[in-house]
Amino acid sequence: MFNLIIILLSLINSEVNESNNYKIAKYILENITELENCSITELAKKCYVSNSSISRFCRDIGLNDYNDLKNQVAKYQVSHEIAIQKFKYQNDNSQAPIKSYVDAITDHLKLLRDSLDEKIIQELVRDIYDYQYVGAFGYLQSETVAMNLQFDLQTNRKVIFTCMPFANQIEYIKNADEKHLIIIFSESGTYFKRALARTHIFKNIEHKPKIYLITSHQNITLPYVDQYIRYQSHHDYASHPYPLLAISGIVCSQYSKYLLTKE
């Protein structure tokens, strides 16, 4: 599923603010409710860029053309009323907001504790040590988890790759081979849904990277994912990204201990 807002936020977090793509993405984010009837020429004028820059921007974010962008804007208008309900969570208490929110997070971490398979965590730790190249990725909040993993593993003298732009993440995954380990953080399990929808995404399936998907989705199975680290979740506002952060912390802690056994 193409999520326009996630793509645009990812773009402005990674582009320099003088670039055309940054200007266009920022304008769309700030004025999205006014763009449904906006022509490509009108948008170009508002962003102080050319029509060709708008067309190039559409292709850069994974769309075919400006009509595709208009369709995504229209879909946003429909879905926005549902999206603003995301801040709800179990046992929300407006009379005690701090306690109720922290308690909800604690409940999710207890679910994580009771549902994680420690053997798979140890397998991932060994693979991080053994693989020559390791990449870790996710959308927005999940990508911050990947960045935390990158920082903490570097402390343990293991350098891994990550990046914010989603298009760059997918390019890295598609070009990876059997020397690569790919770790995907995706609470909903939908990371691959649009970008890698086809079964055969690698040039040579026999030389594809090993892929871990860390998710609360209990039933998802994908032909190119080798191992799943699953955990239980209530799928509400208090459920993300704390379990993923905890898993990242567990992996780094266990990696540090594993490293001592190899030295």
C-alpha atoms as a PDB file:
ATOM      1  CA  MET A   1       0.000   0.000   0.000  1.00  0.00           C
ATOM      2  CA  PHE A   2       1.402   3.402  -1.040  1.00  0.00           C
ATOM      3  CA  ASN A   3       1.364   5.796   1.913  1.00  0.00           C
ATOM      4  CA  LEU A   4       1.848   9.298   0.536  1.00  0.00           C
ATOM      5  CA  ILE A   5       2.377  10.964   3.918  1.00  0.00           C
ATOM      6  CA  ILE A   6       5.048   8.470   4.989  1.00  0.00           C
ATOM      7  CA  ILE A   7       6.871   8.889   1.684  1.00  0.00           C
ATOM      8  CA  LEU A   8       6.771  12.699   1.900  1.00  0.00           C
ATOM      9  CA  LEU A   9       7.916  12.811   5.521  1.00  0.00           C
ATOM     10  CA  SER A  10      10.738  10.411   4.728  1.00  0.00           C
ATOM     11  CA  LEU A  11      11.768  12.631   1.821  1.00  0.00           C
ATOM     12  CA  ILE A  12      11.915  15.898   3.769  1.00  0.00           C
ATOM     13  CA  ASN A  13      13.897  14.122   6.491  1.00  0.00           C
ATOM     14  CA  SER A  14      16.560  13.133   3.975  1.00  0.00           C
ATOM     15  CA  GLU A  15      16.685  15.898   1.334  1.00  0.00           C
ATOM     16  CA  VAL A  16      18.533  19.178   1.708  1.00  0.00           C
ATOM     17  CA  ASN A  17      16.024  21.986   2.120  1.00  0.00           C
ATOM     18  CA  GLU A  18      17.182  23.823  -1.001  1.00  0.00           C
ATOM     19  CA  SER A  19      16.340  20.915  -3.314  1.00  0.00           C
ATOM     20  CA  ASN A  20      13.268  20.951  -5.548  1.00  0.00           C
ATOM     21  CA  ASN A  21      12.025  17.667  -4.107  1.00  0.00           C
ATOM     22  CA  TYR A  22      12.193  19.085  -0.585  1.00  0.00           C
ATOM     23  CA  LYS A  23      10.258  22.199  -1.590  1.00  0.00           C
ATOM     24  CA  ILE A  24       7.564  20.191  -3.380  1.00  0.00           C
ATOM     25  CA  ALA A  25       7.178  17.635  -0.574  1.00  0.00           C
ATOM     26  CA  LYS A  26       7.002  20.339   2.090  1.00  0.00           C
ATOM     27  CA  TYR A  27       4.392  22.310   0.161  1.00  0.00           C
ATOM     28  CA  ILE A  28       2.227  19.228  -0.379  1.00  0.00           C
ATOM     29  CA  LEU A  29       2.410  18.276   3.309  1.00  0.00           C
ATOM     30  CA  GLU A  30       1.441  21.784   4.405  1.00  0.00           C
ATOM     31  CA  ASN A  31      -1.341  22.238   1.830  1.00  0.00           C
ATOM     32  CA  ILE A  32      -2.579  18.752   1.042  1.00  0.00           C
ATOM     33  CA  THR A  33      -6.238  19.558   1.742  1.00  0.00           C
ATOM     34  CA  GLU A  34      -6.156  22.235  -0.988  1.00  0.00           C
ATOM     35  CA  LEU A  35      -4.507  20.237  -3.774  1.00  0.00           C
ATOM     36  CA  GLU A  36      -7.279  18.004  -5.080  1.00  0.00           C
ATOM     37  CA  ASN A  37      -8.178  20.440  -7.857  1.00  0.00           C
ATOM     38  CA  CYS A  38      -4.698  21.891  -8.345  1.00  0.00           C
ATOM     39  CA  SER A  39      -3.132  21.497 -11.805  1.00  0.00           C
ATOM     40  CA  ILE A  40       0.520  20.576 -12.323  1.00  0.00           C
ATOM     41  CA  THR A  41       1.230  24.136 -13.551  1.00  0.00           C
ATOM     42  CA  GLU A  42      -0.414  25.671 -10.486  1.00  0.00           C
ATOM     43  CA  LEU A  43       1.544  23.407  -8.134  1.00  0.00           C
ATOM     44  CA  ALA A  44       4.782  24.207  -9.960  1.00  0.00           C
ATOM     45  CA  LYS A  45       4.160  27.942  -9.546  1.00  0.00           C
ATOM     46  CA  LYS A  46       3.352  27.571  -5.844  1.00  0.00           C
ATOM     47  CA  CYS A  47       6.594  25.624  -5.307  1.00  0.00           C
ATOM     48  CA  TYR A  48       8.666  27.937  -7.549  1.00  0.00           C
ATOM     49  CA  VAL A  49       9.766  25.030  -9.749  1.00  0.00           C
ATOM     50  CA  SER A  50       9.103  23.897 -13.321  1.00  0.00           C
ATOM     51  CA  ASN A  51       6.427  21.463 -14.507  1.00  0.00           C
ATOM     52  CA  SER A  52       9.179  18.989 -15.350  1.00  0.00           C
ATOM     53  CA  SER A  53      10.416  19.181 -11.738  1.00  0.00           C
ATOM     54  CA  ILE A  54       6.934  18.162 -10.541  1.00  0.00           C
ATOM     55  CA  SER A  55       6.890  15.236 -12.992  1.00  0.00           C
ATOM     56  CA  ARG A  56      10.373  14.173 -11.876  1.00  0.00           C
ATOM     57  CA  PHE A  57       9.299  14.427  -8.238  1.00  0.00           C
ATOM     58  CA  CYS A  58       6.373  12.073  -8.904  1.00  0.00           C
ATOM     59  CA  ARG A  59       8.694   9.485 -10.422  1.00  0.00           C
ATOM     60  CA  ASP A  60      11.215   9.895  -7.587  1.00  0.00           C
ATOM     61  CA  ILE A  61       8.596   8.973  -4.967  1.00  0.00           C
ATOM     62  CA  GLY A  62       7.436   5.915  -6.932  1.00  0.00           C
ATOM     63  CA  LEU A  63       4.488   7.288  -8.916  1.00  0.00           C
ATOM     64  CA  ASN A  64       4.005   7.228 -12.683  1.00  0.00           C
ATOM     65  CA  ASP A  65       2.964  10.842 -13.177  1.00  0.00           C
ATOM     66  CA  TYR A  66       1.106  13.831 -11.739  1.00  0.00           C
ATOM     67  CA  ASN A  67      -2.278  12.112 -12.176  1.00  0.00           C
ATOM     68  CA  ASP A  68      -1.022   9.373  -9.860  1.00  0.00           C
ATOM     69  CA  LEU A  69      -0.115  12.039  -7.308  1.00  0.00           C
ATOM     70  CA  LYS A  70      -3.583  13.601  -7.584  1.00  0.00           C
ATOM     71  CA  ASN A  71      -5.125  10.165  -6.951  1.00  0.00           C
ATOM     72  CA  GLN A  72      -3.009   9.753  -3.815  1.00  0.00           C
ATOM     73  CA  VAL A  73      -4.058  13.201  -2.591  1.00  0.00           C
ATOM     74  CA  ALA A  74      -7.713  12.254  -3.105  1.00  0.00           C
ATOM     75  CA  LYS A  75      -7.193   9.015  -1.155  1.00  0.00           C
ATOM     76  CA  TYR A  76      -5.640  11.006   1.668  1.00  0.00           C
ATOM     77  CA  GLN A  77      -8.754  13.166   1.945  1.00  0.00           C
ATOM     78  CA  VAL A  78     -10.881  10.034   2.397  1.00  0.00           C
ATOM     79  CA  SER A  79      -8.570   8.294   4.869  1.00  0.00           C
ATOM     80  CA  HIS A  80      -7.655  11.311   7.011  1.00  0.00           C
ATOM     81  CA  GLU A  81     -10.769  11.163   9.200  1.00  0.00           C
ATOM     82  CA  ILE A  82      -9.936   7.571  10.060  1.00  0.00           C
ATOM     83  CA  ALA A  83      -6.246   8.303  10.567  1.00  0.00           C
ATOM     84  CA  ILE A  84      -6.814  10.929  13.260  1.00  0.00           C
ATOM     85  CA  GLN A  85      -8.328   8.185  15.428  1.00  0.00           C
ATOM     86  CA  LYS A  86      -4.892   6.572  15.752  1.00  0.00           C
ATOM     87  CA  PHE A  87      -4.140   8.306  19.063  1.00  0.00           C
ATOM     88  CA  LYS A  88      -6.533   6.056  20.960  1.00  0.00           C
ATOM     89  CA  TYR A  89      -5.229   3.222  23.102  1.00  0.00           C
ATOM     90  CA  GLN A  90      -6.612   0.687  25.557  1.00  0.00           C
ATOM     91  CA  ASN A  91      -7.682   2.018  28.973  1.00  0.00           C
ATOM     92  CA  ASP A  92      -7.074   5.637  27.945  1.00  0.00           C
ATOM     93  CA  ASN A  93      -7.985   7.817  30.916  1.00  0.00           C
ATOM     94  CA  SER A  94      -8.153  11.578  30.351  1.00  0.00           C
ATOM     95  CA  GLN A  95      -8.207  12.095  34.130  1.00  0.00           C
ATOM     96  CA  ALA A  96      -4.822  10.372  34.504  1.00  0.00           C
ATOM     97  CA  PRO A  97      -3.150  10.654  31.074  1.00  0.00           C
ATOM     98  CA  ILE A  98       0.416   9.967  32.191  1.00  0.00           C
ATOM     99  CA  LYS A  99      -0.425   6.889  34.237  1.00  0.00           C
ATOM    100  CA  SER A 100      -2.803   5.425  31.654  1.00  0.00           C
ATOM    101  CA  TYR A 101      -0.381   5.919  28.756  1.00  0.00           C
ATOM    102  CA  VAL A 102       2.651   4.545  30.614  1.00  0.00           C
ATOM    103  CA  ASP A 103       0.564   1.615  31.872  1.00  0.00           C
ATOM    104  CA  ALA A 104      -0.496   0.894  28.283  1.00  0.00           C
ATOM    105  CA  ILE A 105       3.136   0.867  27.152  1.00  0.00           C
ATOM    106  CA  THR A 106       4.047  -1.403  30.062  1.00  0.00           C
ATOM    107  CA  ASP A 107       1.268  -3.811  29.083  1.00  0.00           C
ATOM    108  CA  HIS A 108       2.648  -3.958  25.543  1.00  0.00           C
ATOM    109  CA  LEU A 109       6.146  -4.669  26.793  1.00  0.00           C
ATOM    110  CA  LYS A 110       4.772  -7.505  28.924  1.00  0.00           C
ATOM    111  CA  LEU A 111       3.083  -8.898  25.809  1.00  0.00           C
ATOM    112  CA  LEU A 112       6.443  -8.658  24.068  1.00  0.00           C
ATOM    113  CA  ARG A 113       8.217 -10.442  26.906  1.00  0.00           C
ATOM    114  CA  ASP A 114       5.769 -13.323  26.862  1.00  0.00           C
ATOM    115  CA  SER A 115       5.605 -13.737  23.077  1.00  0.00           C
ATOM    116  CA  LEU A 116       9.201 -13.403  21.845  1.00  0.00           C
ATOM    117  CA  ASP A 117      11.102 -16.523  20.816  1.00  0.00           C
ATOM    118  CA  GLU A 118      14.554 -16.240  22.376  1.00  0.00           C
ATOM    119  CA  LYS A 119      16.028 -18.851  20.013  1.00  0.00           C
ATOM    120  CA  ILE A 120      15.256 -16.683  16.996  1.00  0.00           C
ATOM    121  CA  ILE A 121      16.821 -13.668  18.725  1.00  0.00           C
ATOM    122  CA  GLN A 122      20.001 -15.681  19.244  1.00  0.00           C
ATOM    123  CA  GLU A 123      19.938 -16.800  15.606  1.00  0.00           C
ATOM    124  CA  LEU A 124      19.733 -13.168  14.509  1.00  0.00           C
ATOM    125  CA  VAL A 125      22.633 -12.247  16.808  1.00  0.00           C
ATOM    126  CA  ARG A 126      24.794 -14.977  15.255  1.00  0.00           C
ATOM    127  CA  ASP A 127      23.838 -13.891  11.745  1.00  0.00           C
ATOM    128  CA  ILE A 128      24.713 -10.258  12.488  1.00  0.00           C
ATOM    129  CA  TYR A 129      28.144 -11.473  13.566  1.00  0.00           C
ATOM    130  CA  ASP A 130      28.638 -13.846  10.635  1.00  0.00           C
ATOM    131  CA  TYR A 131      27.377 -11.788   7.688  1.00  0.00           C
ATOM    132  CA  GLN A 132      29.800  -9.509   5.878  1.00  0.00           C
ATOM    133  CA  TYR A 133      27.113  -6.929   5.077  1.00  0.00           C
ATOM    134  CA  VAL A 134      24.104  -6.089   7.256  1.00  0.00           C
ATOM    135  CA  GLY A 135      21.306  -3.627   6.477  1.00  0.00           C
ATOM    136  CA  ALA A 136      18.414  -2.609   8.745  1.00  0.00           C
ATOM    137  CA  PHE A 137      15.382  -0.641   7.591  1.00  0.00           C
ATOM    138  CA  GLY A 138      11.859   0.541   8.447  1.00  0.00           C
ATOM    139  CA  TYR A 139       9.316   3.298   7.848  1.00  0.00           C
ATOM    140  CA  LEU A 140       9.682   6.546   9.874  1.00  0.00           C
ATOM    141  CA  GLN A 141       9.361   5.482  13.546  1.00  0.00           C
ATOM    142  CA  SER A 142      10.540   2.006  12.620  1.00  0.00           C
ATOM    143  CA  GLU A 143      13.485   3.535  10.752  1.00  0.00           C
ATOM    144  CA  THR A 144      14.498   5.330  13.960  1.00  0.00           C
ATOM    145  CA  VAL A 145      14.669   1.861  15.534  1.00  0.00           C
ATOM    146  CA  ALA A 146      16.950   0.746  12.694  1.00  0.00           C
ATOM    147  CA  MET A 147      19.138   3.803  13.312  1.00  0.00           C
ATOM    148  CA  ASN A 148      19.326   2.963  17.034  1.00  0.00           C
ATOM    149  CA  LEU A 149      20.380  -0.566  16.097  1.00  0.00           C
ATOM    150  CA  GLN A 150      23.052   0.869  13.795  1.00  0.00           C
ATOM    151  CA  PHE A 151      24.440   3.106  16.559  1.00  0.00           C
ATOM    152  CA  ASP A 152      24.451   0.440  19.272  1.00  0.00           C
ATOM    153  CA  LEU A 153      26.006  -2.221  17.045  1.00  0.00           C
ATOM    154  CA  GLN A 154      28.725   0.232  16.039  1.00  0.00           C
ATOM    155  CA  THR A 155      29.536   0.502  19.745  1.00  0.00           C
ATOM    156  CA  ASN A 156      30.154  -3.246  19.526  1.00  0.00           C
ATOM    157  CA  ARG A 157      32.394  -2.694  16.465  1.00  0.00           C
ATOM    158  CA  LYS A 158      29.815  -4.012  13.983  1.00  0.00           C
ATOM    159  CA  VAL A 159      29.026  -1.492  11.254  1.00  0.00           C
ATOM    160  CA  ILE A 160      25.667  -1.914   9.518  1.00  0.00           C
ATOM    161  CA  PHE A 161      23.909   0.142   6.848  1.00  0.00           C
ATOM    162  CA  THR A 162      20.637   2.044   7.064  1.00  0.00           C
ATOM    163  CA  CYS A 163      19.134   5.121   5.400  1.00  0.00           C
ATOM    164  CA  MET A 164      16.001   7.227   5.690  1.00  0.00           C
ATOM    165  CA  PRO A 165      14.721   7.468   2.070  1.00  0.00           C
ATOM    166  CA  PHE A 166      12.431   4.523   1.373  1.00  0.00           C
ATOM    167  CA  ALA A 167      13.422   4.367  -2.305  1.00  0.00           C
ATOM    168  CA  ASN A 168      17.075   4.001  -1.281  1.00  0.00           C
ATOM    169  CA  GLN A 169      16.168   1.245   1.175  1.00  0.00           C
ATOM    170  CA  ILE A 170      14.395  -0.741  -1.535  1.00  0.00           C
ATOM    171  CA  GLU A 171      17.262  -0.204  -3.971  1.00  0.00           C
ATOM    172  CA  TYR A 172      19.708  -1.569  -1.397  1.00  0.00           C
ATOM    173  CA  ILE A 173      17.545  -4.647  -0.748  1.00  0.00           C
ATOM    174  CA  LYS A 174      17.049  -5.402  -4.448  1.00  0.00           C
ATOM    175  CA  ASN A 175      20.780  -5.213  -5.128  1.00  0.00           C
ATOM    176  CA  ALA A 176      21.784  -7.298  -2.109  1.00  0.00           C
ATOM    177  CA  ASP A 177      23.083 -10.847  -2.537  1.00  0.00           C
ATOM    178  CA  GLU A 178      23.850 -13.850  -0.342  1.00  0.00           C
ATOM    179  CA  LYS A 179      26.593 -11.912   1.451  1.00  0.00           C
ATOM    180  CA  HIS A 180      23.931  -9.581   2.870  1.00  0.00           C
ATOM    181  CA  LEU A 181      21.683  -9.834   5.912  1.00  0.00           C
ATOM    182  CA  ILE A 182      18.588  -7.605   5.841  1.00  0.00           C
ATOM    183  CA  ILE A 183      16.634  -6.755   9.020  1.00  0.00           C
ATOM    184  CA  ILE A 184      13.217  -5.143   8.575  1.00  0.00           C
ATOM    185  CA  PHE A 185      11.366  -3.481  11.455  1.00  0.00           C
ATOM    186  CA  SER A 186       7.646  -3.353  10.633  1.00  0.00           C
ATOM    187  CA  GLU A 187       5.067  -3.402  13.431  1.00  0.00           C
ATOM    188  CA  SER A 188       2.199  -3.920  10.972  1.00  0.00           C
ATOM    189  CA  GLY A 189       4.161  -6.217   8.644  1.00  0.00           C
ATOM    190  CA  THR A 190       3.276  -4.088   5.599  1.00  0.00           C
ATOM    191  CA  TYR A 191       6.781  -2.819   4.774  1.00  0.00           C
ATOM    192  CA  PHE A 192       7.046  -4.927   1.629  1.00  0.00           C
ATOM    193  CA  LYS A 193       3.418  -4.670   0.546  1.00  0.00           C
ATOM    194  CA  ARG A 194       3.843  -2.180  -2.277  1.00  0.00           C
ATOM    195  CA  ALA A 195       7.556  -2.037  -2.970  1.00  0.00           C
ATOM    196  CA  LEU A 196       8.220  -5.757  -3.220  1.00  0.00           C
ATOM    197  CA  ALA A 197       4.824  -7.132  -4.159  1.00  0.00           C
ATOM    198  CA  ARG A 198       6.197  -9.470  -6.818  1.00  0.00           C
ATOM    199  CA  THR A 199       7.430 -12.922  -5.817  1.00  0.00           C
ATOM    200  CA  HIS A 200      10.701 -12.743  -7.741  1.00  0.00           C
ATOM    201  CA  ILE A 201      12.308  -9.460  -6.791  1.00  0.00           C
ATOM    202  CA  PHE A 202      15.925 -10.588  -6.934  1.00  0.00           C
ATOM    203  CA  LYS A 203      17.979 -11.149 -10.067  1.00  0.00           C
ATOM    204  CA  ASN A 204      18.963 -14.590  -8.830  1.00  0.00           C
ATOM    205  CA  ILE A 205      16.784 -16.128  -6.135  1.00  0.00           C
ATOM    206  CA  GLU A 206      19.564 -18.560  -5.207  1.00  0.00           C
ATOM    207  CA  HIS A 207      21.816 -15.645  -4.304  1.00  0.00           C
ATOM    208  CA  LYS A 208      19.309 -13.447  -2.486  1.00  0.00           C
ATOM    209  CA  PRO A 209      20.069 -11.925   0.942  1.00  0.00           C
ATOM    210  CA  LYS A 210      18.833 -13.498   4.146  1.00  0.00           C
ATOM    211  CA  ILE A 211      15.877 -11.419   5.353  1.00  0.00           C
ATOM    212  CA  TYR A 212      14.445 -11.100   8.872  1.00  0.00           C
ATOM    213  CA  LEU A 213      11.056  -9.435   9.354  1.00  0.00           C
ATOM    214  CA  ILE A 214      10.402  -8.183  12.905  1.00  0.00           C
ATOM    215  CA  THR A 215       6.651  -7.682  13.217  1.00  0.00           C
ATOM    216  CA  SER A 216       3.542  -8.075  15.357  1.00  0.00           C
ATOM    217  CA  HIS A 217       1.678  -9.531  12.353  1.00  0.00           C
ATOM    218  CA  GLN A 218       1.080 -13.162  13.317  1.00  0.00           C
ATOM    219  CA  ASN A 219       0.072 -14.612   9.952  1.00  0.00           C
ATOM    220  CA  ILE A 220       2.049 -12.848   7.243  1.00  0.00           C
ATOM    221  CA  THR A 221       4.306 -15.063   5.123  1.00  0.00           C
ATOM    222  CA  LEU A 222       6.352 -13.767   2.212  1.00  0.00           C
ATOM    223  CA  PRO A 223       8.367 -15.888  -0.250  1.00  0.00           C
ATOM    224  CA  TYR A 224      11.528 -13.810   0.127  1.00  0.00           C
ATOM    225  CA  VAL A 225      11.525 -13.534   3.959  1.00  0.00           C
ATOM    226  CA  ASP A 226      13.627 -16.231   5.634  1.00  0.00           C
ATOM    227  CA  GLN A 227      12.877 -15.676   9.306  1.00  0.00           C
ATOM    228  CA  TYR A 228      10.216 -13.883  11.352  1.00  0.00           C
ATOM    229  CA  ILE A 229      10.586 -12.405  14.813  1.00  0.00           C
ATOM    230  CA  ARG A 230       6.965 -12.017  15.903  1.00  0.00           C
ATOM    231  CA  TYR A 231       5.499 -10.456  19.005  1.00  0.00           C
ATOM    232  CA  GLN A 232       1.996  -9.809  20.332  1.00  0.00           C
ATOM    233  CA  SER A 233       0.467  -6.321  20.141  1.00  0.00           C
ATOM    234  CA  HIS A 234      -2.843  -4.532  20.734  1.00  0.00           C
ATOM    235  CA  HIS A 235      -2.147  -2.455  17.578  1.00  0.00           C
ATOM    236  CA  ASP A 236      -3.019   0.859  19.167  1.00  0.00           C
ATOM    237  CA  TYR A 237      -1.178   4.132  19.716  1.00  0.00           C
ATOM    238  CA  ALA A 238       0.735   2.875  22.759  1.00  0.00           C
ATOM    239  CA  SER A 239       1.966  -0.213  20.926  1.00  0.00           C
ATOM    240  CA  HIS A 240       4.551   1.405  18.663  1.00  0.00           C
ATOM    241  CA  PRO A 241       7.530   1.738  18.479  1.00  0.00           C
ATOM    242  CA  TYR A 242       8.353   0.624  22.032  1.00  0.00           C
ATOM    243  CA  PRO A 243       8.359  -3.163  21.435  1.00  0.00           C
ATOM    244  CA  LEU A 244      10.595  -2.701  18.380  1.00  0.00           C
ATOM    245  CA  LEU A 245      12.958  -0.527  20.411  1.00  0.00           C
ATOM    246  CA  ALA A 246      13.030  -3.201  23.105  1.00  0.00           C
ATOM    247  CA  ILE A 247      13.829  -5.898  20.532  1.00  0.00           C
ATOM    248  CA  SER A 248      16.641  -3.763  19.133  1.00  0.00           C
ATOM    249  CA  GLY A 249      17.996  -3.306  22.645  1.00  0.00           C
ATOM    250  CA  ILE A 250      17.814  -7.033  23.368  1.00  0.00           C
ATOM    251  CA  VAL A 251      19.620  -7.851  20.118  1.00  0.00           C
ATOM    252  CA  CYS A 252      22.429  -5.369  20.856  1.00  0.00           C
ATOM    253  CA  SER A 253      22.789  -6.562  24.446  1.00  0.00           C
ATOM    254  CA  GLN A 254      22.983 -10.191  23.331  1.00  0.00           C
ATOM    255  CA  TYR A 255      25.382  -9.301  20.529  1.00  0.00           C
ATOM    256  CA  SER A 256      27.742  -7.716  23.047  1.00  0.00           C
ATOM    257  CA  LYS A 257      27.724 -10.928  25.096  1.00  0.00           C
ATOM    258  CA  TYR A 258      28.148 -13.093  21.985  1.00  0.00           C
ATOM    259  CA  LEU A 259      31.103 -10.972  20.896  1.00  0.00           C
ATOM    260  CA  LEU A 260      32.914 -11.827  24.152  1.00  0.00           C
ATOM    261  CA  THR A 261      32.636 -15.549  23.349  1.00  0.00           C
ATOM    262  CA  LYS A 262      34.287 -15.013  19.951  1.00  0.00           C
ATOM    263  CA  GLU A 263      37.286 -13.045  21.219  1.00  0.00           C
END
